[in-house]
């Protein structure tokens, strides 16, 4: 249980940082990277489920989390541009 939580945190930080770099050129800091990565992981899992994809490796989960985090950041940027 503890190691699974540790891996989730590490993958979340990496996914958030990579998504931040892809979407705006730099990361957001460790806490925001973690939040973006963890929420992105949930969103990525939902997106993967819609398409019938499954992943069981650490690399696969990281890619799924990055996809979800990029989608999350795209949605946030879309609504923030429309607002202001």
PDB file of N, CA and C in Angstrom:
ATOM      1  N   UNK A   1       0.829  -1.194   0.000  1.00  0.00           N
ATOM      2  CA  UNK A   1       0.000   0.000   0.000  1.00  0.00           C
ATOM      3  C   UNK A   1       0.870   1.252   0.000  1.00  0.00           C
ATOM      4  N   UNK A   2       1.879   1.331   0.855  1.00  0.00           N
ATOM      5  CA  UNK A   2       2.728   2.503   0.933  1.00  0.00           C
ATOM      6  C   UNK A   2       3.522   2.734  -0.337  1.00  0.00           C
ATOM      7  N   UNK A   3       4.047   1.671  -0.928  1.00  0.00           N
ATOM      8  CA  UNK A   3       4.814   1.808  -2.155  1.00  0.00           C
ATOM      9  C   UNK A   3       3.915   2.235  -3.305  1.00  0.00           C
ATOM     10  N   UNK A   4       2.691   1.752  -3.341  1.00  0.00           N
ATOM     11  CA  UNK A   4       1.744   2.172  -4.374  1.00  0.00           C
ATOM     12  C   UNK A   4       1.444   3.657  -4.277  1.00  0.00           C
ATOM     13  N   UNK A   5       1.297   4.155  -3.072  1.00  0.00           N
ATOM     14  CA  UNK A   5       1.058   5.583  -2.867  1.00  0.00           C
ATOM     15  C   UNK A   5       2.284   6.378  -3.292  1.00  0.00           C
ATOM     16  N   UNK A   6       3.460   5.887  -2.955  1.00  0.00           N
ATOM     17  CA  UNK A   6       4.690   6.557  -3.354  1.00  0.00           C
ATOM     18  C   UNK A   6       4.808   6.627  -4.874  1.00  0.00           C
ATOM     19  N   UNK A   7       4.536   5.523  -5.555  1.00  0.00           N
ATOM     20  CA  UNK A   7       4.585   5.506  -7.027  1.00  0.00           C
ATOM     21  C   UNK A   7       3.554   6.461  -7.609  1.00  0.00           C
ATOM     22  N   UNK A   8       2.370   6.531  -7.006  1.00  0.00           N
ATOM     23  CA  UNK A   8       1.335   7.455  -7.480  1.00  0.00           C
ATOM     24  C   UNK A   8       1.811   8.894  -7.377  1.00  0.00           C
ATOM     25  N   UNK A   9       2.464   9.232  -6.289  1.00  0.00           N
ATOM     26  CA  UNK A   9       2.972  10.590  -6.106  1.00  0.00           C
ATOM     27  C   UNK A   9       4.070  10.887  -7.127  1.00  0.00           C
ATOM     28  N   UNK A  10       5.007   9.953  -7.287  1.00  0.00           N
ATOM     29  CA  UNK A  10       6.106  10.154  -8.235  1.00  0.00           C
ATOM     30  C   UNK A  10       5.567  10.295  -9.661  1.00  0.00           C
ATOM     31  N   UNK A  11       4.669   9.414 -10.056  1.00  0.00           N
ATOM     32  CA  UNK A  11       4.093   9.480 -11.396  1.00  0.00           C
ATOM     33  C   UNK A  11       3.283  10.756 -11.559  1.00  0.00           C
ATOM     34  N   UNK A  12       2.551  11.148 -10.528  1.00  0.00           N
ATOM     35  CA  UNK A  12       1.775  12.379 -10.586  1.00  0.00           C
ATOM     36  C   UNK A  12       2.656  13.597 -10.789  1.00  0.00           C
ATOM     37  N   UNK A  13       3.762  13.673 -10.051  1.00  0.00           N
ATOM     38  CA  UNK A  13       4.683  14.804 -10.193  1.00  0.00           C
ATOM     39  C   UNK A  13       5.290  14.820 -11.595  1.00  0.00           C
ATOM     40  N   UNK A  14       5.732  13.661 -12.066  1.00  0.00           N
ATOM     41  CA  UNK A  14       6.318  13.593 -13.408  1.00  0.00           C
ATOM     42  C   UNK A  14       5.304  13.954 -14.484  1.00  0.00           C
ATOM     43  N   UNK A  15       4.103  13.407 -14.394  1.00  0.00           N
ATOM     44  CA  UNK A  15       3.070  13.674 -15.398  1.00  0.00           C
ATOM     45  C   UNK A  15       2.690  15.150 -15.398  1.00  0.00           C
ATOM     46  N   UNK A  16       2.534  15.745 -14.226  1.00  0.00           N
ATOM     47  CA  UNK A  16       2.202  17.162 -14.148  1.00  0.00           C
ATOM     48  C   UNK A  16       3.310  18.036 -14.713  1.00  0.00           C
ATOM     49  N   UNK A  17       4.560  17.699 -14.396  1.00  0.00           N
ATOM     50  CA  UNK A  17       5.697  18.477 -14.900  1.00  0.00           C
ATOM     51  C   UNK A  17       5.803  18.371 -16.417  1.00  0.00           C
ATOM     52  N   UNK A  18       5.689  17.159 -16.944  1.00  0.00           N
ATOM     53  CA  UNK A  18       5.796  16.963 -18.395  1.00  0.00           C
ATOM     54  C   UNK A  18       4.644  17.659 -19.108  1.00  0.00           C
ATOM     55  N   UNK A  19       3.433  17.537 -18.571  1.00  0.00           N
ATOM     56  CA  UNK A  19       2.288  18.211 -19.185  1.00  0.00           C
ATOM     57  C   UNK A  19       2.463  19.725 -19.137  1.00  0.00           C
ATOM     58  N   UNK A  20       2.984  20.248 -18.030  1.00  0.00           N
ATOM     59  CA  UNK A  20       3.246  21.676 -17.932  1.00  0.00           C
ATOM     60  C   UNK A  20       4.268  22.136 -18.956  1.00  0.00           C
ATOM     61  N   UNK A  21       5.307  21.343 -19.132  1.00  0.00           N
ATOM     62  CA  UNK A  21       6.329  21.681 -20.129  1.00  0.00           C
ATOM     63  C   UNK A  21       5.740  21.644 -21.535  1.00  0.00           C
ATOM     64  N   UNK A  22       4.884  20.656 -21.800  1.00  0.00           N
ATOM     65  CA  UNK A  22       4.282  20.539 -23.125  1.00  0.00           C
ATOM     66  C   UNK A  22       3.309  21.678 -23.416  1.00  0.00           C
ATOM     67  N   UNK A  23       2.571  22.091 -22.412  1.00  0.00           N
ATOM     68  CA  UNK A  23       1.514  23.071 -22.636  1.00  0.00           C
ATOM     69  C   UNK A  23       1.968  24.519 -22.492  1.00  0.00           C
ATOM     70  N   UNK A  24       2.926  24.808 -21.636  1.00  0.00           N
ATOM     71  CA  UNK A  24       3.323  26.208 -21.479  1.00  0.00           C
ATOM     72  C   UNK A  24       4.827  26.422 -21.429  1.00  0.00           C
ATOM     73  N   UNK A  25       5.586  25.395 -21.549  1.00  0.00           N
ATOM     74  CA  UNK A  25       7.026  25.558 -21.625  1.00  0.00           C
ATOM     75  C   UNK A  25       7.785  25.371 -20.333  1.00  0.00           C
ATOM     76  N   UNK A  26       7.096  25.311 -19.194  1.00  0.00           N
ATOM     77  CA  UNK A  26       7.784  25.064 -17.927  1.00  0.00           C
ATOM     78  C   UNK A  26       6.815  24.416 -16.953  1.00  0.00           C
ATOM     79  N   UNK A  27       7.341  23.822 -15.915  1.00  0.00           N
ATOM     80  CA  UNK A  27       6.491  23.186 -14.910  1.00  0.00           C
ATOM     81  C   UNK A  27       5.817  24.231 -14.032  1.00  0.00           C
ATOM     82  N   UNK A  28       5.007  23.761 -13.109  1.00  0.00           N
ATOM     83  CA  UNK A  28       4.225  24.646 -12.247  1.00  0.00           C
ATOM     84  C   UNK A  28       4.729  24.681 -10.816  1.00  0.00           C
ATOM     85  N   UNK A  29       5.747  23.934 -10.494  1.00  0.00           N
ATOM     86  CA  UNK A  29       6.161  23.764  -9.108  1.00  0.00           C
ATOM     87  C   UNK A  29       5.679  22.401  -8.644  1.00  0.00           C
ATOM     88  N   UNK A  30       6.320  21.872  -7.642  1.00  0.00           N
ATOM     89  CA  UNK A  30       6.096  20.478  -7.261  1.00  0.00           C
ATOM     90  C   UNK A  30       4.661  20.192  -6.799  1.00  0.00           C
ATOM     91  N   UNK A  31       4.053  21.108  -6.051  1.00  0.00           N
ATOM     92  CA  UNK A  31       2.701  20.861  -5.538  1.00  0.00           C
ATOM     93  C   UNK A  31       1.680  20.907  -6.662  1.00  0.00           C
ATOM     94  N   UNK A  32       1.732  21.938  -7.513  1.00  0.00           N
ATOM     95  CA  UNK A  32       0.784  22.017  -8.624  1.00  0.00           C
ATOM     96  C   UNK A  32       1.022  20.911  -9.642  1.00  0.00           C
ATOM     97  N   UNK A  33       2.291  20.539  -9.864  1.00  0.00           N
ATOM     98  CA  UNK A  33       2.571  19.406 -10.748  1.00  0.00           C
ATOM     99  C   UNK A  33       1.912  18.137 -10.215  1.00  0.00           C
ATOM    100  N   UNK A  34       1.998  17.932  -8.906  1.00  0.00           N
ATOM    101  CA  UNK A  34       1.392  16.757  -8.291  1.00  0.00           C
ATOM    102  C   UNK A  34      -0.122  16.765  -8.482  1.00  0.00           C
ATOM    103  N   UNK A  35      -0.743  17.898  -8.226  1.00  0.00           N
ATOM    104  CA  UNK A  35      -2.200  17.989  -8.357  1.00  0.00           C
ATOM    105  C   UNK A  35      -2.625  17.782  -9.806  1.00  0.00           C
ATOM    106  N   UNK A  36      -1.959  18.468 -10.732  1.00  0.00           N
ATOM    107  CA  UNK A  36      -2.284  18.320 -12.154  1.00  0.00           C
ATOM    108  C   UNK A  36      -2.060  16.878 -12.596  1.00  0.00           C
ATOM    109  N   UNK A  37      -0.969  16.270 -12.149  1.00  0.00           N
ATOM    110  CA  UNK A  37      -0.667  14.885 -12.524  1.00  0.00           C
ATOM    111  C   UNK A  37      -1.662  13.890 -11.968  1.00  0.00           C
ATOM    112  N   UNK A  38      -2.065  14.053 -10.714  1.00  0.00           N
ATOM    113  CA  UNK A  38      -3.020  13.111 -10.124  1.00  0.00           C
ATOM    114  C   UNK A  38      -4.408  13.261 -10.736  1.00  0.00           C
ATOM    115  N   UNK A  39      -4.858  14.497 -10.922  1.00  0.00           N
ATOM    116  CA  UNK A  39      -6.155  14.701 -11.581  1.00  0.00           C
ATOM    117  C   UNK A  39      -6.069  14.234 -13.028  1.00  0.00           C
ATOM    118  N   UNK A  40      -4.942  14.509 -13.671  1.00  0.00           N
ATOM    119  CA  UNK A  40      -4.734  14.040 -15.036  1.00  0.00           C
ATOM    120  C   UNK A  40      -4.729  12.529 -15.138  1.00  0.00           C
ATOM    121  N   UNK A  41      -4.222  11.868 -14.133  1.00  0.00           N
ATOM    122  CA  UNK A  41      -4.222  10.409 -14.124  1.00  0.00           C
ATOM    123  C   UNK A  41      -5.643   9.858 -14.099  1.00  0.00           C
ATOM    124  N   UNK A  42      -6.479  10.463 -13.281  1.00  0.00           N
ATOM    125  CA  UNK A  42      -7.885  10.035 -13.227  1.00  0.00           C
ATOM    126  C   UNK A  42      -8.563  10.314 -14.567  1.00  0.00           C
ATOM    127  N   UNK A  43      -8.345  11.513 -15.107  1.00  0.00           N
ATOM    128  CA  UNK A  43      -8.934  11.879 -16.396  1.00  0.00           C
ATOM    129  C   UNK A  43      -8.401  10.984 -17.506  1.00  0.00           C
ATOM    130  N   UNK A  44      -7.090  10.716 -17.485  1.00  0.00           N
ATOM    131  CA  UNK A  44      -6.491   9.827 -18.478  1.00  0.00           C
ATOM    132  C   UNK A  44      -7.054   8.416 -18.394  1.00  0.00           C
ATOM    133  N   UNK A  45      -7.265   7.929 -17.180  1.00  0.00           N
ATOM    134  CA  UNK A  45      -7.877   6.606 -17.015  1.00  0.00           C
ATOM    135  C   UNK A  45      -9.278   6.561 -17.580  1.00  0.00           C
ATOM    136  N   UNK A  46     -10.026   7.626 -17.396  1.00  0.00           N
ATOM    137  CA  UNK A  46     -11.388   7.702 -17.940  1.00  0.00           C
ATOM    138  C   UNK A  46     -11.346   7.741 -19.473  1.00  0.00           C
ATOM    139  N   UNK A  47     -10.431   8.547 -20.026  1.00  0.00           N
ATOM    140  CA  UNK A  47     -10.292   8.637 -21.484  1.00  0.00           C
ATOM    141  C   UNK A  47      -9.862   7.289 -22.058  1.00  0.00           C
ATOM    142  N   UNK A  48      -8.892   6.659 -21.425  1.00  0.00           N
ATOM    143  CA  UNK A  48      -8.447   5.340 -21.886  1.00  0.00           C
ATOM    144  C   UNK A  48      -9.601   4.342 -21.850  1.00  0.00           C
ATOM    145  N   UNK A  49     -10.407   4.392 -20.793  1.00  0.00           N
ATOM    146  CA  UNK A  49     -11.556   3.501 -20.683  1.00  0.00           C
ATOM    147  C   UNK A  49     -12.564   3.716 -21.796  1.00  0.00           C
ATOM    148  N   UNK A  50     -12.764   4.969 -22.200  1.00  0.00           N
ATOM    149  CA  UNK A  50     -13.684   5.262 -23.300  1.00  0.00           C
ATOM    150  C   UNK A  50     -13.256   4.590 -24.600  1.00  0.00           C
ATOM    151  N   UNK A  51     -11.953   4.534 -24.817  1.00  0.00           N
ATOM    152  CA  UNK A  51     -11.416   3.937 -26.034  1.00  0.00           C
ATOM    153  C   UNK A  51     -11.075   2.456 -25.879  1.00  0.00           C
ATOM    154  N   UNK A  52     -11.299   1.908 -24.694  1.00  0.00           N
ATOM    155  CA  UNK A  52     -11.048   0.491 -24.464  1.00  0.00           C
ATOM    156  C   UNK A  52      -9.590   0.137 -24.248  1.00  0.00           C
ATOM    157  N   UNK A  53      -8.756   1.123 -23.933  1.00  0.00           N
ATOM    158  CA  UNK A  53      -7.339   0.866 -23.674  1.00  0.00           C
ATOM    159  C   UNK A  53      -7.138   0.472 -22.223  1.00  0.00           C
ATOM    160  N   UNK A  54      -6.117  -0.348 -21.980  1.00  0.00           N
ATOM    161  CA  UNK A  54      -5.719  -0.718 -20.629  1.00  0.00           C
ATOM    162  C   UNK A  54      -4.204  -0.616 -20.531  1.00  0.00           C
ATOM    163  N   UNK A  55      -3.733  -0.328 -19.337  1.00  0.00           N
ATOM    164  CA  UNK A  55      -2.293  -0.266 -19.122  1.00  0.00           C
ATOM    165  C   UNK A  55      -1.973  -0.863 -17.757  1.00  0.00           C
ATOM    166  N   UNK A  56      -0.852  -1.532 -17.686  1.00  0.00           N
ATOM    167  CA  UNK A  56      -0.472  -2.122 -16.407  1.00  0.00           C
ATOM    168  C   UNK A  56       0.982  -1.809 -16.037  1.00  0.00           C
ATOM    169  N   UNK A  57       1.742  -1.273 -16.967  1.00  0.00           N
ATOM    170  CA  UNK A  57       3.145  -0.968 -16.668  1.00  0.00           C
ATOM    171  C   UNK A  57       3.269   0.451 -16.118  1.00  0.00           C
ATOM    172  N   UNK A  58       4.364   0.725 -15.459  1.00  0.00           N
ATOM    173  CA  UNK A  58       4.617   2.060 -14.918  1.00  0.00           C
ATOM    174  C   UNK A  58       4.706   3.077 -16.057  1.00  0.00           C
ATOM    175  N   UNK A  59       5.381   2.723 -17.133  1.00  0.00           N
ATOM    176  CA  UNK A  59       5.490   3.623 -18.283  1.00  0.00           C
ATOM    177  C   UNK A  59       4.113   3.890 -18.898  1.00  0.00           C
ATOM    178  N   UNK A  60       3.293   2.860 -19.002  1.00  0.00           N
ATOM    179  CA  UNK A  60       1.946   3.023 -19.539  1.00  0.00           C
ATOM    180  C   UNK A  60       1.090   3.933 -18.682  1.00  0.00           C
ATOM    181  N   UNK A  61       1.205   3.780 -17.369  1.00  0.00           N
ATOM    182  CA  UNK A  61       0.454   4.641 -16.449  1.00  0.00           C
ATOM    183  C   UNK A  61       0.967   6.076 -16.548  1.00  0.00           C
ATOM    184  N   UNK A  62       2.273   6.256 -16.698  1.00  0.00           N
ATOM    185  CA  UNK A  62       2.838   7.595 -16.851  1.00  0.00           C
ATOM    186  C   UNK A  62       2.309   8.253 -18.123  1.00  0.00           C
ATOM    187  N   UNK A  63       2.299   7.535 -19.220  1.00  0.00           N
ATOM    188  CA  UNK A  63       1.785   8.081 -20.482  1.00  0.00           C
ATOM    189  C   UNK A  63       0.304   8.410 -20.357  1.00  0.00           C
ATOM    190  N   UNK A  64      -0.466   7.528 -19.736  1.00  0.00           N
ATOM    191  CA  UNK A  64      -1.883   7.775 -19.521  1.00  0.00           C
ATOM    192  C   UNK A  64      -2.086   9.033 -18.672  1.00  0.00           C
ATOM    193  N   UNK A  65      -1.283   9.200 -17.654  1.00  0.00           N
ATOM    194  CA  UNK A  65      -1.376  10.365 -16.783  1.00  0.00           C
ATOM    195  C   UNK A  65      -1.000  11.641 -17.528  1.00  0.00           C
ATOM    196  N   UNK A  66       0.014  11.564 -18.376  1.00  0.00           N
ATOM    197  CA  UNK A  66       0.414  12.733 -19.161  1.00  0.00           C
ATOM    198  C   UNK A  66      -0.699  13.128 -20.125  1.00  0.00           C
ATOM    199  N   UNK A  67      -1.295  12.148 -20.792  1.00  0.00           N
ATOM    200  CA  UNK A  67      -2.406  12.436 -21.698  1.00  0.00           C
ATOM    201  C   UNK A  67      -3.538  13.133 -20.947  1.00  0.00           C
ATOM    202  N   UNK A  68      -3.902  12.602 -19.806  1.00  0.00           N
ATOM    203  CA  UNK A  68      -4.964  13.204 -19.009  1.00  0.00           C
ATOM    204  C   UNK A  68      -4.606  14.593 -18.516  1.00  0.00           C
ATOM    205  N   UNK A  69      -3.356  14.796 -18.093  1.00  0.00           N
ATOM    206  CA  UNK A  69      -2.923  16.102 -17.599  1.00  0.00           C
ATOM    207  C   UNK A  69      -2.902  17.133 -18.720  1.00  0.00           C
ATOM    208  N   UNK A  70      -2.466  16.736 -19.912  1.00  0.00           N
ATOM    209  CA  UNK A  70      -2.475  17.658 -21.053  1.00  0.00           C
ATOM    210  C   UNK A  70      -3.909  18.045 -21.397  1.00  0.00           C
ATOM    211  N   UNK A  71      -4.814  17.085 -21.408  1.00  0.00           N
ATOM    212  CA  UNK A  71      -6.229  17.383 -21.675  1.00  0.00           C
ATOM    213  C   UNK A  71      -6.772  18.322 -20.601  1.00  0.00           C
ATOM    214  N   UNK A  72      -6.446  18.056 -19.347  1.00  0.00           N
ATOM    215  CA  UNK A  72      -6.886  18.915 -18.249  1.00  0.00           C
ATOM    216  C   UNK A  72      -6.376  20.341 -18.437  1.00  0.00           C
ATOM    217  N   UNK A  73      -5.091  20.504 -18.734  1.00  0.00           N
ATOM    218  CA  UNK A  73      -4.525  21.840 -18.934  1.00  0.00           C
ATOM    219  C   UNK A  73      -5.119  22.526 -20.151  1.00  0.00           C
ATOM    220  N   UNK A  74      -5.411  21.767 -21.196  1.00  0.00           N
ATOM    221  CA  UNK A  74      -6.039  22.341 -22.384  1.00  0.00           C
ATOM    222  C   UNK A  74      -7.434  22.859 -22.044  1.00  0.00           C
ATOM    223  N   UNK A  75      -8.204  22.079 -21.283  1.00  0.00           N
ATOM    224  CA  UNK A  75      -9.548  22.504 -20.879  1.00  0.00           C
ATOM    225  C   UNK A  75      -9.472  23.761 -20.026  1.00  0.00           C
ATOM    226  N   UNK A  76      -8.558  23.784 -19.062  1.00  0.00           N
ATOM    227  CA  UNK A  76      -8.409  24.956 -18.191  1.00  0.00           C
ATOM    228  C   UNK A  76      -8.010  26.182 -19.015  1.00  0.00           C
ATOM    229  N   UNK A  77      -7.062  26.028 -19.932  1.00  0.00           N
ATOM    230  CA  UNK A  77      -6.636  27.173 -20.740  1.00  0.00           C
ATOM    231  C   UNK A  77      -7.754  27.633 -21.676  1.00  0.00           C
ATOM    232  N   UNK A  78      -8.540  26.712 -22.184  1.00  0.00           N
ATOM    233  CA  UNK A  78      -9.671  27.064 -23.055  1.00  0.00           C
ATOM    234  C   UNK A  78     -10.661  27.953 -22.318  1.00  0.00           C
ATOM    235  N   UNK A  79     -11.034  27.548 -21.103  1.00  0.00           N
ATOM    236  CA  UNK A  79     -12.006  28.322 -20.348  1.00  0.00           C
ATOM    237  C   UNK A  79     -11.420  29.618 -19.800  1.00  0.00           C
ATOM    238  N   UNK A  80     -10.142  29.629 -19.476  1.00  0.00           N
ATOM    239  CA  UNK A  80      -9.550  30.875 -18.968  1.00  0.00           C
ATOM    240  C   UNK A  80      -9.399  31.899 -20.099  1.00  0.00           C
ATOM    241  N   UNK A  81      -9.177  31.471 -21.327  1.00  0.00           N
ATOM    242  CA  UNK A  81      -9.096  32.391 -22.471  1.00  0.00           C
ATOM    243  C   UNK A  81     -10.476  32.951 -22.807  1.00  0.00           C
ATOM    244  N   UNK A  82     -11.498  32.119 -22.701  1.00  0.00           N
ATOM    245  CA  UNK A  82     -12.856  32.571 -23.023  1.00  0.00           C
ATOM    246  C   UNK A  82     -13.385  33.533 -21.961  1.00  0.00           C
ATOM    247  N   UNK A  83     -12.944  33.362 -20.738  1.00  0.00           N
ATOM    248  CA  UNK A  83     -13.409  34.196 -19.624  1.00  0.00           C
ATOM    249  C   UNK A  83     -12.869  35.618 -19.728  1.00  0.00           C
ATOM    250  N   UNK A  84     -11.586  35.745 -20.040  1.00  0.00           N
ATOM    251  CA  UNK A  84     -10.964  37.050 -19.997  1.00  0.00           C
ATOM    252  C   UNK A  84     -10.635  37.555 -21.345  1.00  0.00           C
TER     253      UNK A  84
END
